[in-house]
Amino acid sequence: MMQIQLTRALEAVAADALWGASSTDELQAAWGDHCAEFADESPERARLLKLFDDRLEILRLAERLGSYLRAG
């Protein structure tokens, strides 16, 4: 029971770090800092990878939009 709660807490911290990243570099760092501790085929890692991919797409779109706005 305690292991399940610990795993959920670690996943929540990792998800917060991924969601809180404000650039693709920060997102990559958050993945390396928080997500490597989960086994490759674990359901937690799969959920975090989905969040990573979604957040990466959002950040890339935001960066592209920013470059369009700066270009005028």
C-alpha atoms as a PDB file:
ATOM      1  CA  MET A   1       0.000   0.000   0.000  1.00  0.00           C
ATOM      2  CA  MET A   2       2.741   2.457   0.897  1.00  0.00           C
ATOM      3  CA  GLN A   3       4.629   1.642  -2.306  1.00  0.00           C
ATOM      4  CA  ILE A   4       1.538   2.484  -4.359  1.00  0.00           C
ATOM      5  CA  GLN A   5       1.139   5.803  -2.566  1.00  0.00           C
ATOM      6  CA  LEU A   6       4.834   6.614  -3.020  1.00  0.00           C
ATOM      7  CA  THR A   7       4.649   5.799  -6.722  1.00  0.00           C
ATOM      8  CA  ARG A   8       1.567   7.994  -7.140  1.00  0.00           C
ATOM      9  CA  ALA A   9       3.258  10.843  -5.287  1.00  0.00           C
ATOM     10  CA  LEU A  10       6.390  10.563  -7.437  1.00  0.00           C
ATOM     11  CA  GLU A  11       4.262  10.490 -10.572  1.00  0.00           C
ATOM     12  CA  ALA A  12       2.410  13.608  -9.414  1.00  0.00           C
ATOM     13  CA  VAL A  13       5.686  15.442  -8.812  1.00  0.00           C
ATOM     14  CA  ALA A  14       6.942  14.402 -12.244  1.00  0.00           C
ATOM     15  CA  ALA A  15       3.687  15.486 -13.895  1.00  0.00           C
ATOM     16  CA  ASP A  16       3.858  18.867 -12.151  1.00  0.00           C
ATOM     17  CA  ALA A  17       7.435  19.332 -13.343  1.00  0.00           C
ATOM     18  CA  LEU A  18       6.486  18.477 -16.916  1.00  0.00           C
ATOM     19  CA  TRP A  19       3.433  20.713 -16.882  1.00  0.00           C
ATOM     20  CA  GLY A  20       5.342  23.587 -15.270  1.00  0.00           C
ATOM     21  CA  ALA A  21       8.108  23.654 -17.873  1.00  0.00           C
ATOM     22  CA  SER A  22       8.099  26.936 -19.751  1.00  0.00           C
ATOM     23  CA  SER A  23      10.435  25.910 -22.572  1.00  0.00           C
ATOM     24  CA  THR A  24      11.401  22.780 -24.435  1.00  0.00           C
ATOM     25  CA  ASP A  25      14.764  22.791 -22.634  1.00  0.00           C
ATOM     26  CA  GLU A  26      13.039  22.875 -19.252  1.00  0.00           C
ATOM     27  CA  LEU A  27      10.718  20.102 -20.400  1.00  0.00           C
ATOM     28  CA  GLN A  28      13.656  17.906 -21.411  1.00  0.00           C
ATOM     29  CA  ALA A  29      15.343  18.596 -18.075  1.00  0.00           C
ATOM     30  CA  ALA A  30      12.169  17.757 -16.158  1.00  0.00           C
ATOM     31  CA  TRP A  31      11.902  14.462 -18.016  1.00  0.00           C
ATOM     32  CA  GLY A  32      15.484  13.577 -17.156  1.00  0.00           C
ATOM     33  CA  ASP A  33      15.139  14.656 -13.540  1.00  0.00           C
ATOM     34  CA  HIS A  34      11.810  13.052 -12.715  1.00  0.00           C
ATOM     35  CA  CYS A  35      10.776  10.388 -15.196  1.00  0.00           C
ATOM     36  CA  ALA A  36      13.860   8.197 -15.492  1.00  0.00           C
ATOM     37  CA  GLU A  37      13.035   6.546 -12.171  1.00  0.00           C
ATOM     38  CA  PHE A  38       9.989   4.806 -13.656  1.00  0.00           C
ATOM     39  CA  ALA A  39      10.470   1.528 -15.529  1.00  0.00           C
ATOM     40  CA  ASP A  40      10.214   1.767 -19.326  1.00  0.00           C
ATOM     41  CA  GLU A  41       7.049  -0.305 -19.635  1.00  0.00           C
ATOM     42  CA  SER A  42       5.307   0.987 -16.522  1.00  0.00           C
ATOM     43  CA  PRO A  43       1.858   2.600 -16.744  1.00  0.00           C
ATOM     44  CA  GLU A  44       3.234   5.647 -14.903  1.00  0.00           C
ATOM     45  CA  ARG A  45       5.929   6.167 -17.519  1.00  0.00           C
ATOM     46  CA  ALA A  46       3.370   5.775 -20.307  1.00  0.00           C
ATOM     47  CA  ARG A  47       1.142   8.457 -18.750  1.00  0.00           C
ATOM     48  CA  LEU A  48       4.111  10.771 -18.218  1.00  0.00           C
ATOM     49  CA  LEU A  49       5.291  10.236 -21.791  1.00  0.00           C
ATOM     50  CA  LYS A  50       1.832  11.205 -23.061  1.00  0.00           C
ATOM     51  CA  LEU A  51       1.967  14.349 -20.938  1.00  0.00           C
ATOM     52  CA  PHE A  52       5.502  15.062 -22.171  1.00  0.00           C
ATOM     53  CA  ASP A  53       4.445  14.714 -25.812  1.00  0.00           C
ATOM     54  CA  ASP A  54       1.375  16.911 -25.318  1.00  0.00           C
ATOM     55  CA  ARG A  55       3.374  19.571 -23.476  1.00  0.00           C
ATOM     56  CA  LEU A  56       6.149  19.466 -26.089  1.00  0.00           C
ATOM     57  CA  GLU A  57       3.625  20.106 -28.847  1.00  0.00           C
ATOM     58  CA  ILE A  58       2.138  23.033 -26.909  1.00  0.00           C
ATOM     59  CA  LEU A  59       5.554  24.561 -26.251  1.00  0.00           C
ATOM     60  CA  ARG A  60       6.651  24.181 -29.862  1.00  0.00           C
ATOM     61  CA  LEU A  61       3.458  25.849 -31.083  1.00  0.00           C
ATOM     62  CA  ALA A  62       3.937  28.681 -28.588  1.00  0.00           C
ATOM     63  CA  GLU A  63       7.540  29.180 -29.673  1.00  0.00           C
ATOM     64  CA  ARG A  64       6.479  29.227 -33.329  1.00  0.00           C
ATOM     65  CA  LEU A  65       3.712  31.720 -32.600  1.00  0.00           C
ATOM     66  CA  GLY A  66       6.185  33.907 -30.713  1.00  0.00           C
ATOM     67  CA  SER A  67       8.547  33.919 -33.672  1.00  0.00           C
ATOM     68  CA  TYR A  68       5.668  34.940 -35.979  1.00  0.00           C
ATOM     69  CA  LEU A  69       4.717  37.783 -33.657  1.00  0.00           C
ATOM     70  CA  ARG A  70       8.319  39.006 -33.431  1.00  0.00           C
ATOM     71  CA  ALA A  71       8.645  38.877 -37.224  1.00  0.00           C
ATOM     72  CA  GLY A  72       5.728  41.228 -37.445  1.00  0.00           C
END
